[in-house]
Amino acid sequence: MTSTGNTQHSQTHQEPHLEATPVRPSAADRFFAALRRSGPTRSSDRWVAGVAGGTARRLGVDPLAVRVAFVVLSLFGGLGLGLYGLAWALLPDATGRIEAQAAHRGDVSGALAVAVGLVVLDLILGQGLLGLGWVF
């Protein structure tokens, strides 16, 4: 009686060689990186979100002057609320967080909701809070 022996065939299994391809940042990531490089950040010297303080620091002027400009634009021109809301959403804070970028990644904050609300309110009113538009 002949016994048949089990012979194992050695098969070498090689993993395919995967080259690391550099991950190209998305257009959104490049946009937010450009915002960070531009320089202005929201300041910790804040009354609301630090937009006026950060803008004043970037321009080298008194923060009160920028705050007054936002109020005047809001009351008479209709641009103040919208500009403030956009800056709140797009300018990084002291930690580098940009509200719009965080929302793009799924982390929607109350701050972004308020910023968007300001922009929407400005678009609805359109003529400033006093309804005078650019009459002044």
Protein backbone atom coordinates (compact mmCIF):
# COMPACT_ATOMS: atom_id res chain seq x y z
CA MET A 1 0.00 0.00 0.00
CA THR A 2 1.37 3.21 -1.01
CA SER A 3 0.66 6.17 1.08
CA THR A 4 0.41 9.42 -0.59
CA GLY A 5 2.18 12.11 1.30
CA ASN A 6 0.84 15.57 1.48
CA THR A 7 3.29 17.82 -0.12
CA GLN A 8 2.96 21.49 0.45
CA HIS A 9 3.85 23.68 -2.37
CA SER A 10 5.44 26.83 -1.12
CA GLN A 11 3.79 29.70 -2.80
CA THR A 12 5.21 33.06 -2.09
CA HIS A 13 2.56 35.67 -1.78
CA GLN A 14 3.83 39.16 -2.27
CA GLU A 15 1.85 42.27 -1.49
CA PRO A 16 1.67 44.67 -4.36
CA HIS A 17 4.05 47.55 -3.92
CA LEU A 18 2.03 50.63 -3.13
CA GLU A 19 3.74 53.91 -3.57
CA ALA A 20 2.69 56.70 -1.32
CA THR A 21 1.07 59.28 -3.46
CA PRO A 22 0.98 62.73 -2.01
CA VAL A 23 -2.48 63.82 -1.03
CA ARG A 24 -3.35 67.06 -2.71
CA PRO A 25 -5.32 69.41 -0.49
CA SER A 26 -8.84 70.14 -1.61
CA ALA A 27 -9.78 73.51 -3.02
CA ALA A 28 -11.52 74.34 0.26
CA ASP A 29 -8.40 73.49 2.28
CA ARG A 30 -6.27 75.65 -0.02
CA PHE A 31 -8.77 78.51 0.35
CA PHE A 32 -8.73 78.36 4.15
CA ALA A 33 -4.93 78.06 4.20
CA ALA A 34 -4.76 81.24 2.09
CA LEU A 35 -7.04 82.99 4.59
CA ARG A 36 -4.68 82.02 7.41
CA ARG A 37 -1.66 83.28 5.46
CA SER A 38 -3.34 86.62 4.75
CA GLY A 39 -2.72 87.69 8.32
CA PRO A 40 -5.84 89.01 10.05
CA THR A 41 -7.22 86.94 12.89
CA ARG A 42 -10.13 87.51 15.21
CA SER A 43 -8.82 89.13 18.35
CA SER A 44 -9.25 88.19 21.98
CA ASP A 45 -9.89 91.94 22.46
CA ARG A 46 -13.55 91.46 21.66
CA TRP A 47 -16.99 92.78 22.29
CA VAL A 48 -18.69 90.12 20.17
CA ALA A 49 -16.48 87.88 18.02
CA GLY A 50 -13.19 89.76 17.83
CA VAL A 51 -13.64 90.81 14.21
CA ALA A 52 -13.22 94.54 14.87
CA GLY A 53 -10.25 93.98 17.19
CA GLY A 54 -8.50 91.73 14.67
CA THR A 55 -9.22 94.05 11.77
CA ALA A 56 -7.97 97.03 13.77
CA ARG A 57 -4.76 95.22 14.68
CA ARG A 58 -4.19 94.30 11.03
CA LEU A 59 -4.81 97.90 9.88
CA GLY A 60 -2.93 99.47 12.78
CA VAL A 61 -5.88 101.54 14.01
CA ASP A 62 -7.90 101.80 17.21
CA PRO A 63 -10.45 98.95 17.55
CA LEU A 64 -13.10 101.48 18.55
CA ALA A 65 -12.77 103.13 15.12
CA VAL A 66 -13.45 99.80 13.40
CA ARG A 67 -16.39 99.10 15.70
CA VAL A 68 -17.87 102.51 14.91
CA ALA A 69 -17.40 101.83 11.19
CA PHE A 70 -19.29 98.53 11.48
CA VAL A 71 -22.13 100.25 13.36
CA VAL A 72 -22.34 103.13 10.87
CA LEU A 73 -22.33 100.71 7.94
CA SER A 74 -25.01 98.62 9.65
CA LEU A 75 -27.27 101.55 10.40
CA PHE A 76 -26.95 103.50 7.18
CA GLY A 77 -25.37 101.47 4.43
CA GLY A 78 -26.51 97.97 5.13
CA LEU A 79 -23.06 96.43 4.74
CA GLY A 80 -21.91 96.31 8.36
CA LEU A 81 -23.81 93.22 9.48
CA GLY A 82 -22.95 91.27 6.35
CA LEU A 83 -19.27 92.16 6.46
CA TYR A 84 -19.08 91.37 10.17
CA GLY A 85 -20.82 88.02 9.66
CA LEU A 86 -18.55 87.07 6.77
CA ALA A 87 -15.45 88.05 8.71
CA TRP A 88 -16.67 86.09 11.73
CA ALA A 89 -17.13 82.98 9.58
CA LEU A 90 -13.92 83.33 7.55
CA LEU A 91 -11.26 84.82 9.82
CA PRO A 92 -9.35 82.45 12.11
CA ASP A 93 -9.54 82.97 15.85
CA ALA A 94 -6.47 82.96 18.12
CA THR A 95 -6.36 79.14 18.02
CA GLY A 96 -6.53 79.05 14.21
CA ARG A 97 -10.13 77.82 14.02
CA ILE A 98 -12.11 79.14 11.07
CA GLU A 99 -15.82 78.65 11.67
CA ALA A 100 -16.65 78.06 8.00
CA GLN A 101 -13.89 75.46 7.65
CA ALA A 102 -15.00 73.66 10.80
CA ALA A 103 -18.56 73.58 9.45
CA HIS A 104 -17.28 72.26 6.12
CA ARG A 105 -15.78 69.37 8.11
CA GLY A 106 -19.03 68.77 10.00
CA ASP A 107 -18.39 70.76 13.19
CA VAL A 108 -21.09 73.43 13.08
CA SER A 109 -20.97 75.80 16.03
CA GLY A 110 -23.40 78.32 17.44
CA ALA A 111 -20.91 81.03 16.46
CA LEU A 112 -21.26 80.10 12.81
CA ALA A 113 -25.05 80.13 13.11
CA VAL A 114 -24.92 83.68 14.45
CA ALA A 115 -22.44 84.74 11.74
CA VAL A 116 -24.67 83.33 9.00
CA GLY A 117 -27.67 84.94 10.67
CA LEU A 118 -25.97 88.34 10.45
CA VAL A 119 -25.32 87.87 6.74
CA VAL A 120 -28.90 86.74 6.11
CA LEU A 121 -30.29 89.64 8.14
CA ASP A 122 -28.15 92.03 6.12
CA LEU A 123 -29.39 90.51 2.87
CA ILE A 124 -33.01 90.73 3.99
CA LEU A 125 -32.76 94.32 5.18
CA GLY A 126 -30.51 95.37 2.33
CA GLN A 127 -30.84 99.08 3.07
CA GLY A 128 -29.35 99.17 6.55
CA LEU A 129 -31.11 98.91 9.86
CA LEU A 130 -32.58 102.40 9.47
CA GLY A 131 -33.72 101.73 5.90
CA LEU A 132 -31.74 104.65 4.52
CA GLY A 133 -29.46 102.74 2.20
CA TRP A 134 -26.66 104.89 0.82
CA VAL A 135 -28.59 108.13 1.31
CA PHE A 136 -26.31 109.52 4.01
